[in-house]
Protein backbone atom coordinates (compact mmCIF):
# COMPACT_ATOMS: atom_id res chain seq x y z
CA MET A 1 -18.34 25.50 -0.46
CA LEU A 2 -21.37 23.85 -2.02
CA TYR A 3 -22.03 20.26 -0.98
CA ASP A 4 -21.73 17.00 -2.72
CA PRO A 5 -24.22 14.55 -2.11
CA LYS A 6 -21.92 12.05 -3.84
CA LEU A 7 -19.41 12.82 -1.12
CA PRO A 8 -21.26 10.88 1.93
CA VAL A 9 -21.94 7.76 -0.79
CA LEU A 10 -17.80 7.18 -1.53
CA LEU A 11 -16.78 8.06 2.91
CA TRP A 12 -19.66 4.97 3.43
CA PHE A 13 -18.29 2.57 0.49
CA ILE A 14 -14.57 2.49 1.32
CA ASN A 15 -15.72 2.70 5.57
CA HIS A 16 -17.87 -0.26 4.17
CA ARG A 17 -15.30 -1.94 1.52
CA TYR A 18 -11.85 -1.03 2.71
CA PRO A 19 -12.15 -0.26 6.97
CA TRP A 20 -8.62 -0.81 7.35
CA LEU A 21 -7.37 1.76 5.00
CA TRP A 22 -8.51 4.36 7.95
CA ILE A 23 -6.82 2.48 10.76
CA SER A 24 -3.32 2.14 8.61
CA SER A 25 -3.89 5.87 7.78
CA ALA A 26 -4.33 7.04 11.18
CA THR A 27 -1.04 5.14 12.45
CA ASP A 28 0.75 6.10 9.26
CA PHE A 29 0.07 9.91 10.71
CA VAL A 30 0.90 9.43 13.88
CA LEU A 31 4.29 7.08 13.35
CA PHE A 32 4.83 10.12 11.08
CA HIS A 33 4.69 11.94 13.91
CA LEU A 34 6.45 10.54 16.28
CA SER A 35 9.24 9.53 14.02
CA ARG A 36 10.24 13.69 12.64
CA ASN A 37 9.89 14.26 16.28
CA THR A 38 12.57 11.88 17.55
CA SER A 39 16.27 11.79 15.71
CA ALA A 40 16.01 8.57 14.57
CA ARG A 41 13.83 7.50 11.43
CA LEU A 42 11.36 4.50 12.32
CA PRO A 43 11.08 1.77 9.68
CA LEU A 44 7.01 1.77 10.92
CA PRO A 45 5.33 3.32 8.28
CA SER A 46 7.17 2.02 5.33
CA LEU A 47 5.75 -1.80 6.83
CA LEU A 48 3.10 -0.75 7.06
CA THR A 49 2.71 0.15 3.88
CA THR A 50 3.68 -2.61 2.41
CA TYR A 51 1.19 -5.20 4.86
CA ASN A 52 -1.30 -2.74 3.01
CA VAL A 53 -0.22 -3.22 -0.22
CA PHE A 54 0.04 -6.81 0.04
CA LEU A 55 -3.78 -6.75 1.85
CA SER A 56 -5.13 -4.96 -0.99
């Protein structure tokens, strides 16, 4: 795999400009797995997505 020198810069830029992106995607990921493991579907990921759209 070739090393892309722009990748750390891009990650740094996203991390400093949009730190809530990491938090929300991690929370969405956890909630998706929780809702997949339980019988009832949780409405939380859609709420988080709406909150992210509101923030941006």
